[in-house]
Protein backbone atom coordinates (compact mmCIF):
# COMPACT_ATOMS: atom_id res chain seq x y z
CA MET A 1 0.00 0.00 0.00
CA LEU A 2 2.83 2.35 0.93
CA LYS A 3 4.67 1.56 -2.32
CA HIS A 4 1.49 2.19 -4.33
CA SER A 5 0.95 5.59 -2.67
CA PHE A 6 4.56 6.54 -3.24
CA GLY A 7 4.16 5.71 -6.93
CA ILE A 8 1.08 7.90 -7.24
CA ILE A 9 2.91 10.80 -5.55
CA CYS A 10 5.82 10.44 -7.97
CA ILE A 11 3.48 10.51 -10.96
CA VAL A 12 1.75 13.63 -9.62
CA LEU A 13 5.10 15.32 -9.05
CA LEU A 14 6.17 14.46 -12.58
CA PHE A 15 2.99 16.04 -13.98
CA MET A 16 3.58 19.16 -11.86
CA VAL A 17 7.16 19.50 -13.11
CA ALA A 18 5.98 19.02 -16.68
CA ALA A 19 3.26 21.63 -16.19
CA CYS A 20 5.71 24.11 -14.73
CA SER A 21 8.12 23.44 -17.59
CA SER A 22 5.25 23.91 -20.05
CA ASN A 23 4.23 27.21 -18.41
CA LYS A 24 7.83 28.40 -18.43
CA ASN A 25 8.16 27.57 -22.11
CA SER A 26 4.86 29.30 -22.73
CA LYS A 27 6.12 32.44 -21.01
CA ASP A 28 9.39 32.33 -22.93
CA THR A 29 7.39 31.99 -26.14
CA ASP A 30 5.21 34.94 -25.16
CA LYS A 31 8.31 37.12 -24.75
CA LYS A 32 9.29 36.34 -28.33
CA ASP A 33 5.76 36.48 -29.67
CA HIS A 34 6.72 38.59 -32.68
CA PRO A 35 8.34 37.85 -36.04
CA ILE A 36 12.12 38.15 -35.99
CA ILE A 37 12.95 40.93 -38.45
CA ASP A 38 16.31 40.40 -40.12
CA ARG A 39 17.08 44.10 -40.48
CA ASP A 40 19.88 45.73 -38.57
CA LEU A 41 22.39 48.47 -39.42
CA PRO A 42 23.96 46.65 -42.44
CA GLU A 43 20.52 46.22 -44.07
CA ILE A 44 19.65 49.87 -43.40
CA LEU A 45 22.93 50.99 -44.98
CA GLU A 46 22.36 48.74 -48.00
CA ASP A 47 18.79 49.98 -48.38
CA GLY A 48 19.91 53.60 -47.96
CA VAL A 49 16.83 54.47 -45.88
CA LEU A 50 16.22 54.63 -42.12
CA ASN A 51 12.50 54.18 -41.38
CA VAL A 52 11.36 56.01 -38.29
CA VAL A 53 8.20 56.61 -36.29
CA THR A 54 7.85 59.75 -34.19
CA THR A 55 5.09 61.93 -32.79
CA TYR A 56 3.44 64.91 -34.43
CA SER A 57 3.86 67.50 -31.69
CA SER A 58 5.16 70.97 -30.92
CA THR A 59 8.53 69.58 -29.83
CA SER A 60 9.14 66.40 -31.88
CA TYR A 61 8.06 67.05 -35.47
CA PHE A 62 5.97 69.73 -37.20
CA LEU A 63 5.96 72.28 -40.03
CA TYR A 64 6.59 75.96 -39.55
CA ARG A 65 6.48 78.33 -42.53
CA GLY A 66 6.96 75.43 -44.90
CA GLN A 67 10.00 73.99 -43.11
CA PRO A 68 10.02 70.62 -41.24
CA MET A 69 11.20 71.21 -37.67
CA GLY A 70 11.33 69.57 -34.26
CA TYR A 71 13.73 68.13 -31.69
CA GLU A 72 13.42 64.57 -32.96
CA TYR A 73 13.45 65.74 -36.59
CA GLU A 74 16.72 67.66 -36.21
CA LEU A 75 18.45 64.82 -34.37
CA LEU A 76 17.20 62.29 -36.93
CA LYS A 77 18.50 64.44 -39.76
CA ARG A 78 21.94 64.52 -38.17
CA PHE A 79 22.00 60.79 -37.39
CA ALA A 80 20.93 59.89 -40.94
CA GLU A 81 23.72 62.09 -42.31
CA HIS A 82 26.12 60.45 -39.85
CA ILE A 83 25.46 56.96 -41.25
CA GLY A 84 24.98 58.20 -44.83
CA VAL A 85 21.33 57.35 -45.48
CA GLU A 86 18.02 59.12 -46.01
CA PHE A 87 15.28 58.88 -43.41
CA ARG A 88 11.54 58.47 -43.77
CA ILE A 89 9.11 59.43 -41.03
CA VAL A 90 5.72 58.01 -40.13
CA ILE A 91 3.60 59.47 -37.35
CA SER A 92 1.95 57.99 -34.28
CA ASN A 93 1.25 59.30 -30.79
CA ASP A 94 0.46 55.88 -29.34
CA PHE A 95 3.26 53.71 -27.91
CA GLU A 96 1.40 50.48 -28.57
CA ALA A 97 1.02 51.39 -32.27
CA MET A 98 4.68 52.49 -32.43
CA HIS A 99 5.79 49.22 -30.87
CA GLN A 100 3.69 47.24 -33.33
CA MET A 101 5.28 49.07 -36.28
CA LEU A 102 8.73 48.42 -34.86
CA MET A 103 8.16 44.71 -34.30
CA ASN A 104 6.55 44.23 -37.72
CA GLY A 105 9.54 45.79 -39.44
CA GLU A 106 7.63 48.82 -40.72
CA VAL A 107 10.12 51.08 -38.93
CA ASP A 108 13.65 50.65 -37.60
CA LEU A 109 13.49 53.17 -34.80
CA ILE A 110 11.04 54.85 -32.42
CA ALA A 111 12.47 58.36 -32.34
CA HIS A 112 10.48 59.82 -29.49
CA GLY A 113 11.35 60.72 -25.92
CA LEU A 114 10.11 57.53 -24.29
CA THR A 115 10.36 57.07 -20.54
CA VAL A 116 12.63 54.12 -19.85
CA THR A 117 10.58 51.73 -17.70
CA GLY A 118 11.04 48.12 -16.63
CA LYS A 119 7.96 46.99 -18.55
CA ARG A 120 9.09 48.67 -21.75
CA LYS A 121 12.59 47.20 -21.45
CA GLU A 122 10.98 43.78 -21.79
CA LEU A 123 9.64 44.87 -25.20
CA VAL A 124 12.39 46.99 -26.78
CA GLN A 125 16.02 48.00 -26.53
CA PHE A 126 16.55 51.58 -25.40
CA THR A 127 19.37 53.82 -26.53
CA ASP A 128 21.45 55.72 -24.03
CA TYR A 129 19.24 58.44 -22.60
CA LEU A 130 18.92 61.70 -24.53
CA TYR A 131 17.88 63.79 -21.55
CA LEU A 132 16.48 63.57 -18.04
CA THR A 133 13.14 64.92 -16.97
CA HIS A 134 10.42 64.23 -14.42
CA GLN A 135 6.66 64.16 -14.57
CA VAL A 136 4.56 66.97 -13.16
CA LEU A 137 0.92 67.59 -12.43
CA VAL A 138 -0.68 69.98 -14.93
CA GLN A 139 -3.59 71.89 -13.39
CA LYS A 140 -5.59 74.98 -14.31
CA LYS A 141 -5.63 78.12 -12.21
CA PRO A 142 -9.03 79.72 -11.49
CA ASP A 143 -10.48 81.85 -14.32
CA ASN A 144 -9.93 85.05 -12.32
CA TRP A 145 -6.48 84.03 -11.07
CA ARG A 146 -4.84 87.32 -12.07
CA ARG A 147 -7.15 89.25 -9.72
CA LEU A 148 -6.82 86.86 -6.77
CA ARG A 149 -4.58 87.47 -3.80
CA TRP A 150 -1.59 85.16 -3.72
CA SER A 151 -2.84 83.29 -0.64
CA LYS A 152 -6.27 82.65 -2.18
CA LEU A 153 -4.70 81.51 -5.44
CA GLN A 154 -2.52 79.05 -3.55
CA LYS A 155 -5.53 77.63 -1.72
CA SER A 156 -7.24 76.91 -5.02
CA LEU A 157 -4.39 74.69 -6.26
CA LEU A 158 -3.01 71.29 -5.32
CA HIS A 159 0.47 71.39 -3.80
CA ASP A 160 1.24 67.72 -3.28
CA ALA A 161 0.52 64.59 -5.30
CA ILE A 162 -1.16 63.04 -2.29
CA ASP A 163 -3.98 65.57 -2.73
CA LEU A 164 -5.01 63.62 -5.85
CA ILE A 165 -6.42 60.78 -3.73
CA ASP A 166 -10.13 60.35 -4.55
CA ASP A 167 -9.78 62.80 -7.47
CA THR A 168 -9.54 62.19 -11.22
CA VAL A 169 -6.53 62.48 -13.54
CA SER A 170 -6.87 62.31 -17.34
CA VAL A 171 -3.98 60.58 -19.12
CA ARG A 172 -3.36 58.99 -22.50
CA ALA A 173 -3.79 55.24 -22.90
CA ASN A 174 -0.62 53.12 -23.21
CA SER A 175 1.55 55.95 -21.88
CA SER A 176 4.15 56.30 -19.15
CA TYR A 177 1.74 58.80 -17.57
CA LEU A 178 -0.84 56.08 -17.07
CA ASN A 179 1.84 53.87 -15.49
CA ARG A 180 2.83 56.74 -13.21
CA VAL A 181 -0.75 57.18 -11.96
CA GLU A 182 -0.95 53.46 -11.19
CA ASN A 183 2.41 53.49 -9.40
CA LEU A 184 1.46 56.63 -7.50
CA MET A 185 -1.65 54.95 -6.13
CA ASP A 186 0.47 52.06 -4.91
CA GLU A 187 3.05 54.40 -3.36
CA MET A 188 0.45 56.54 -1.57
CA GLY A 189 -1.96 53.74 -0.67
CA GLY A 190 -4.96 55.66 -2.01
CA LYS A 191 -7.31 55.61 -4.99
CA ILE A 192 -6.92 57.98 -7.93
CA TYR A 193 -9.59 57.74 -10.59
CA VAL A 194 -8.23 57.53 -14.11
CA ASP A 195 -9.90 59.12 -17.12
CA THR A 196 -8.18 57.26 -19.98
CA LEU A 197 -7.86 59.42 -23.08
CA PRO A 198 -7.38 58.11 -26.66
CA GLY A 199 -3.86 56.90 -27.37
CA ASP A 200 -3.48 59.12 -30.44
CA LEU A 201 -3.87 62.39 -28.52
CA SER A 202 -0.59 64.28 -28.18
CA THR A 203 0.66 65.54 -24.83
CA ASP A 204 0.42 69.09 -26.19
CA LYS A 205 -3.26 68.63 -26.99
CA ILE A 206 -4.02 67.17 -23.57
CA ILE A 207 -2.27 70.09 -21.88
CA GLU A 208 -4.38 72.45 -24.01
CA MET A 209 -7.49 70.58 -22.80
CA VAL A 210 -6.51 71.35 -19.20
CA SER A 211 -6.03 75.02 -20.09
CA ASN A 212 -9.47 75.11 -21.74
CA GLY A 213 -11.13 73.45 -18.76
CA GLU A 214 -12.12 70.32 -20.72
CA ILE A 215 -10.29 68.11 -18.21
CA LYS A 216 -9.18 68.83 -14.65
CA TYR A 217 -5.70 67.34 -14.32
CA THR A 218 -3.11 65.51 -16.38
CA PHE A 219 0.51 64.42 -16.05
CA ALA A 220 3.28 65.53 -18.44
CA ASP A 221 7.05 65.53 -18.71
CA ASN A 222 8.35 68.68 -17.11
CA ASN A 223 10.18 69.97 -20.20
CA ILE A 224 7.07 69.60 -22.39
CA ALA A 225 4.83 71.05 -19.67
CA SER A 226 7.16 74.03 -19.18
CA ILE A 227 7.27 75.04 -22.83
CA ASN A 228 3.47 74.73 -23.13
CA ALA A 229 2.87 76.63 -19.88
CA SER A 230 4.80 79.55 -21.37
CA TYR A 231 1.94 79.84 -23.89
CA TYR A 232 -0.87 78.98 -21.43
CA PRO A 233 -0.16 81.17 -18.38
CA ASN A 234 -3.31 79.86 -16.65
CA LEU A 235 -1.55 76.53 -16.02
CA ASP A 236 0.32 75.50 -12.90
CA ILE A 237 2.99 72.79 -13.34
CA ARG A 238 4.92 73.04 -10.08
CA VAL A 239 3.84 69.77 -8.43
CA PRO A 240 6.22 66.88 -9.20
CA VAL A 241 4.71 63.40 -9.42
CA SER A 242 7.87 61.40 -10.16
CA PHE A 243 11.61 61.26 -9.64
CA SER A 244 13.99 62.01 -12.52
CA GLN A 245 13.39 59.72 -15.47
CA ARG A 246 15.54 58.83 -18.48
CA MET A 247 14.13 59.64 -21.92
CA ALA A 248 15.42 57.61 -24.84
CA TRP A 249 14.70 56.23 -28.30
CA ALA A 250 13.83 52.56 -28.87
CA ILE A 251 14.74 49.84 -31.37
CA ARG A 252 14.02 46.13 -31.85
CA PRO A 253 15.66 43.73 -29.35
CA GLU A 254 17.63 42.15 -32.21
CA SER A 255 19.10 45.41 -33.64
CA ASP A 256 22.37 45.32 -31.70
CA GLN A 257 24.53 46.94 -34.38
CA LEU A 258 22.10 49.84 -34.81
CA LEU A 259 22.07 50.27 -31.02
CA THR A 260 25.86 50.43 -30.88
CA GLU A 261 25.96 53.02 -33.68
CA LEU A 262 23.20 55.13 -32.09
CA ASN A 263 24.83 55.09 -28.65
CA GLY A 264 28.22 56.10 -30.06
CA TRP A 265 26.58 58.94 -31.98
CA ILE A 266 24.59 60.11 -28.93
CA ASP A 267 27.77 60.19 -26.84
CA SER A 268 29.57 62.25 -29.47
CA MET A 269 26.60 64.64 -29.77
CA LYS A 270 26.55 65.20 -26.01
CA ASP A 271 30.24 66.12 -26.15
CA GLY A 272 29.49 68.93 -28.61
CA VAL A 273 27.48 72.15 -28.59
CA ALA A 274 24.88 71.25 -31.27
CA TYR A 275 22.99 68.80 -29.04
CA TYR A 276 22.35 71.43 -26.34
CA VAL A 277 21.49 74.11 -28.89
CA ILE A 278 18.82 71.81 -30.37
CA TYR A 279 17.43 70.88 -26.94
CA ASN A 280 17.18 74.51 -25.84
CA LYS A 281 15.60 75.48 -29.17
CA TYR A 282 12.58 73.24 -28.57
CA PHE A 283 12.31 72.90 -24.79
CA LYS A 284 13.69 76.18 -23.42
CA ASN A 285 13.15 78.93 -25.98
CA GLU A 286 9.75 80.27 -24.86
CA ARG A 287 9.78 83.25 -27.23
CA SER A 288 10.27 81.04 -30.28
CA PHE A 289 7.55 78.66 -29.08
CA LYS A 290 5.06 81.51 -28.61
CA ARG A 291 5.88 82.90 -32.05
CA ARG A 292 5.12 79.52 -33.65
CA GLU A 293 1.93 79.05 -31.64
CA ASN A 294 0.63 82.41 -32.79
CA SER A 295 1.50 81.83 -36.45
CA VAL A 296 -1.12 80.72 -38.99
CA PHE A 297 1.73 78.86 -40.76
CA TYR A 298 2.28 76.48 -37.82
CA SER A 299 1.00 73.04 -38.82
CA ILE A 300 0.04 71.97 -35.30
CA ASN A 301 -2.73 74.59 -35.29
CA HIS A 302 -3.37 75.27 -38.98
CA SER A 303 -3.14 73.30 -42.23
CA ARG A 304 -1.28 76.09 -44.00
CA ILE A 305 2.19 76.30 -45.46
CA SER A 306 2.35 79.91 -46.61
CA GLU A 307 0.21 82.96 -47.21
CA TYR A 308 0.06 81.94 -50.88
CA ASP A 309 -1.59 78.54 -50.34
CA ASP A 310 -4.82 79.54 -52.11
CA LEU A 311 -2.94 80.73 -55.19
CA ILE A 312 -0.76 77.61 -55.17
CA GLN A 313 -3.82 75.36 -54.99
CA THR A 314 -5.45 77.20 -57.89
CA TYR A 315 -2.45 76.94 -60.20
CA ALA A 316 -1.53 73.40 -59.10
CA ASP A 317 -4.89 72.36 -60.53
CA THR A 318 -3.81 73.63 -63.95
CA LEU A 319 -0.91 71.16 -63.78
CA ASN A 320 -2.98 68.42 -62.19
CA TRP A 321 -0.36 68.27 -59.42
CA ASP A 322 -0.85 67.90 -55.69
CA TRP A 323 -0.72 71.48 -54.41
CA ARG A 324 1.69 70.44 -51.65
CA LEU A 325 4.18 69.33 -54.31
CA LEU A 326 4.02 72.70 -56.06
CA ALA A 327 4.32 74.40 -52.65
CA SER A 328 7.48 72.40 -51.97
CA LEU A 329 8.93 73.54 -55.31
CA ILE A 330 8.13 77.18 -54.54
CA TYR A 331 9.74 76.86 -51.10
CA GLN A 332 12.83 75.45 -52.81
CA GLU A 333 12.93 78.38 -55.19
CA SER A 334 12.27 81.31 -52.86
CA ARG A 335 11.24 80.12 -49.38
CA PHE A 336 7.96 81.93 -50.14
CA ASN A 337 9.71 85.30 -50.31
CA PRO A 338 8.12 87.18 -53.28
CA VAL A 339 11.03 89.63 -53.59
CA SER A 340 13.77 87.00 -53.37
CA GLU A 341 16.48 87.48 -56.01
CA SER A 342 19.29 85.10 -56.94
CA TRP A 343 22.86 86.00 -57.90
CA ALA A 344 21.95 85.18 -61.53
CA GLY A 345 19.05 87.64 -61.63
CA ALA A 346 16.13 85.23 -61.10
CA LYS A 347 13.43 86.87 -59.03
CA GLY A 348 10.10 86.21 -57.30
CA LEU A 349 8.35 83.24 -55.74
CA MET A 350 9.21 81.01 -58.69
CA GLN A 351 12.56 82.68 -59.48
CA MET A 352 11.89 83.58 -63.10
CA MET A 353 14.68 85.02 -65.23
CA PRO A 354 13.91 88.35 -67.01
CA GLN A 355 13.83 86.80 -70.52
CA THR A 356 11.55 83.94 -69.38
CA ALA A 357 9.22 86.34 -67.60
CA GLU A 358 8.95 88.55 -70.68
CA ARG A 359 8.30 85.51 -72.89
CA TYR A 360 5.41 84.34 -70.73
CA GLY A 361 3.85 87.74 -70.09
CA VAL A 362 5.02 88.31 -66.51
CA SER A 363 5.46 92.07 -66.15
CA ASP A 364 6.19 92.09 -62.40
CA ARG A 365 8.14 89.07 -61.15
CA THR A 366 7.66 90.12 -57.52
CA ASP A 367 3.86 89.94 -57.84
CA PRO A 368 2.93 86.58 -56.24
CA GLU A 369 0.10 85.70 -58.60
CA GLN A 370 1.99 86.70 -61.73
CA SER A 371 5.00 84.70 -60.59
CA ILE A 372 3.01 81.55 -59.78
CA GLU A 373 0.95 81.81 -62.95
CA GLY A 374 4.08 82.33 -65.08
CA GLY A 375 6.04 79.61 -63.31
CA THR A 376 3.29 77.01 -63.63
CA THR A 377 2.89 77.91 -67.31
CA VAL A 378 6.60 77.11 -67.81
CA LEU A 379 6.20 73.86 -65.86
CA ASN A 380 3.24 72.94 -68.06
CA VAL A 381 5.25 73.54 -71.24
CA LEU A 382 8.09 71.37 -69.92
CA TRP A 383 5.65 68.67 -68.77
CA LYS A 384 4.27 68.40 -72.32
CA ARG A 385 7.78 68.06 -73.74
CA PHE A 386 8.28 64.89 -71.68
CA ILE A 387 5.19 63.20 -73.09
CA ASP A 388 7.25 60.08 -73.85
CA ILE A 389 7.87 59.43 -70.11
CA PRO A 390 5.20 56.85 -69.14
CA ASP A 391 5.46 57.11 -65.34
CA SER A 392 3.80 60.31 -64.06
CA VAL A 393 6.07 60.70 -61.01
CA GLN A 394 9.21 60.27 -63.12
CA ARG A 395 7.78 62.73 -65.64
CA ILE A 396 7.31 65.30 -62.87
CA LYS A 397 10.94 64.81 -61.82
CA PHE A 398 12.17 65.38 -65.39
CA THR A 399 9.98 68.49 -65.53
CA MET A 400 11.44 69.84 -62.29
CA ALA A 401 15.01 69.12 -63.37
CA ALA A 402 14.38 70.99 -66.62
CA TYR A 403 12.85 73.93 -64.71
CA ASN A 404 16.03 74.12 -62.66
CA SER A 405 18.79 73.49 -65.21
CA GLY A 406 17.11 73.96 -68.57
CA TYR A 407 15.36 71.50 -70.88
CA SER A 408 18.39 71.12 -73.17
CA HIS A 409 20.68 69.84 -70.41
CA VAL A 410 18.10 67.23 -69.42
CA VAL A 411 17.93 66.10 -73.07
CA ASP A 412 21.74 65.76 -73.03
CA ALA A 413 21.57 63.71 -69.83
CA ARG A 414 18.98 61.39 -71.39
CA THR A 415 21.14 61.00 -74.49
CA LEU A 416 24.17 60.13 -72.36
CA ALA A 417 22.12 57.60 -70.39
CA GLU A 418 20.86 55.97 -73.57
CA LYS A 419 24.40 55.74 -75.02
CA GLU A 420 25.57 54.03 -71.82
CA GLY A 421 22.70 51.55 -71.80
CA ILE A 422 20.90 53.21 -68.89
CA ASP A 423 17.12 53.69 -68.73
CA SER A 424 16.57 57.15 -70.23
CA TYR A 425 12.89 57.13 -69.19
CA ARG A 426 13.65 57.06 -65.48
CA TRP A 427 15.12 59.94 -63.48
CA ASP A 428 15.82 58.12 -60.18
CA GLU A 429 19.23 56.42 -60.18
CA CYS A 430 19.35 56.62 -63.99
CA VAL A 431 19.21 59.98 -65.77
CA GLU A 432 20.06 61.80 -62.55
CA GLU A 433 23.39 59.89 -62.55
CA SER A 434 23.97 60.96 -66.16
CA MET A 435 23.19 64.55 -65.17
CA LEU A 436 25.94 64.36 -62.53
CA LYS A 437 28.38 63.05 -65.16
CA LEU A 438 27.82 66.13 -67.31
CA SER A 439 29.87 68.12 -64.79
CA TYR A 440 33.04 66.45 -66.12
CA PRO A 441 34.80 67.23 -69.44
CA GLU A 442 35.21 63.56 -70.41
CA ASN A 443 31.39 63.48 -70.62
CA TYR A 444 30.24 66.95 -71.68
CA ASN A 445 32.85 67.04 -74.48
CA LYS A 446 31.50 63.90 -76.13
CA PRO A 447 30.36 64.61 -79.71
CA PHE A 448 26.71 63.71 -79.10
CA ILE A 449 26.41 66.12 -76.13
CA LYS A 450 25.02 69.33 -77.68
CA TYR A 451 24.78 71.79 -74.77
CA GLY A 452 28.00 71.13 -72.86
CA TYR A 453 28.76 71.59 -69.19
CA VAL A 454 26.09 71.66 -66.49
CA ARG A 455 26.61 71.65 -62.75
CA GLY A 456 24.66 68.44 -62.38
CA ILE A 457 24.52 68.39 -58.60
CA GLU A 458 22.10 71.35 -58.66
CA PRO A 459 19.15 69.75 -60.53
CA VAL A 460 19.77 66.40 -58.79
CA SER A 461 19.67 68.00 -55.32
CA TYR A 462 16.80 70.25 -56.38
CA VAL A 463 14.51 67.34 -57.28
CA LYS A 464 15.50 65.28 -54.22
CA GLN A 465 14.94 68.12 -51.79
CA ILE A 466 11.55 69.03 -53.26
CA PHE A 467 10.29 65.46 -53.02
CA SER A 468 11.76 64.99 -49.55
CA ARG A 469 9.95 68.12 -48.34
CA TYR A 470 6.81 66.98 -50.12
CA GLU A 471 6.85 63.80 -48.03
CA HIS A 472 6.78 65.94 -44.90
CA TYR A 473 3.99 68.11 -46.30
CA SER A 474 1.98 64.99 -47.19
CA GLN A 475 2.42 63.58 -43.67
CA LEU A 476 1.44 66.74 -41.84
CA LEU A 477 -1.06 68.55 -44.07
CA GLU A 478 -4.29 67.49 -45.72
């Protein structure tokens, strides 16, 4: 009987061990419950493109007077130049969505100031921290706060996080702010009610909601709260709700070589002046922030690029182009300055030369409408000359290159491409390379080249920069 019982106990123990082993394996599987993406730094370098997700916000990435700007944007631009690639941005304000894009291989990097937490470290690899901050309570002062005595104003505000017990805080879903509320309840031993806001709301927008009285309280990183409070003086952000926290970018757990490169670059940036200039520009410069907030050409508040948007839209229709593409070309030409004049004598929004302006009936090149009408007429003429180009995007690029360097030089570049067995119907990586070759005498002196030397880097850079800016316009403006 004793032997029988002992046998049963052994069998039970074996099942328990097996179950534990099965659970352990299940947990290990859960940790790796995503496809392994075979894309690290070598693949990025070979591809020539770094794919990035960041937030659309007043500090990370936005448009101002037609120019992409932002803390993350400027650092990304420098890092991409450092490793010799281009970068493409997609937008999300939700960490869960960002993480999904990262794990699916849609992006290589989450370039956003993420709070480094234990939970997140189980999901991603963090770079060395970019800066330190802490979270603060954002609360609204009374409507008549300017007329209140100091003592009465102080009584109307919370002064310690513990005062939030039995009150409500509104925070974004899947955010470090939500985690902080949960941790705060545990630390204080009291209940805080959570109003969970949509994950795609930016921190800037939520802070604005507090200022407008739509919600009572929220949490925000101190540097973001400070720059926004400079614009909304009815906000109080003095109550800390966390210790110092590290803010960093994130990559896939398998991207070790990219992590090494990023960390080396971050260390070198911190040793120089540029890093601190960029940080102060977006998190400390209150005057610049207020100027952007008050501008109608600030994409966070308005879907406008310039004061000539209506004219650009009208004349873009005559080309059947996206108006944002034409706007990008005009920015490239004049930065929307109607009296801009080049060293060669080109003038106006679309930088028309005197002979060209006279030919197309433009009497005043500094008049915005005359300039845009004349410039789009020239573009239309060039577009029709490239009727043999079957792909519409490539045809636009040929048209732009001809607008910049002259139609004849583009014809020469196509002829050179054809003679060398290169696709003369494609600008990207084909005719643009031939255009670069026409800067050298061994190429522009060939007997079949009719129009000689051209500084090929100018039309090549011109087309690339217009389309790069157009990508930003397309992301941020309807």
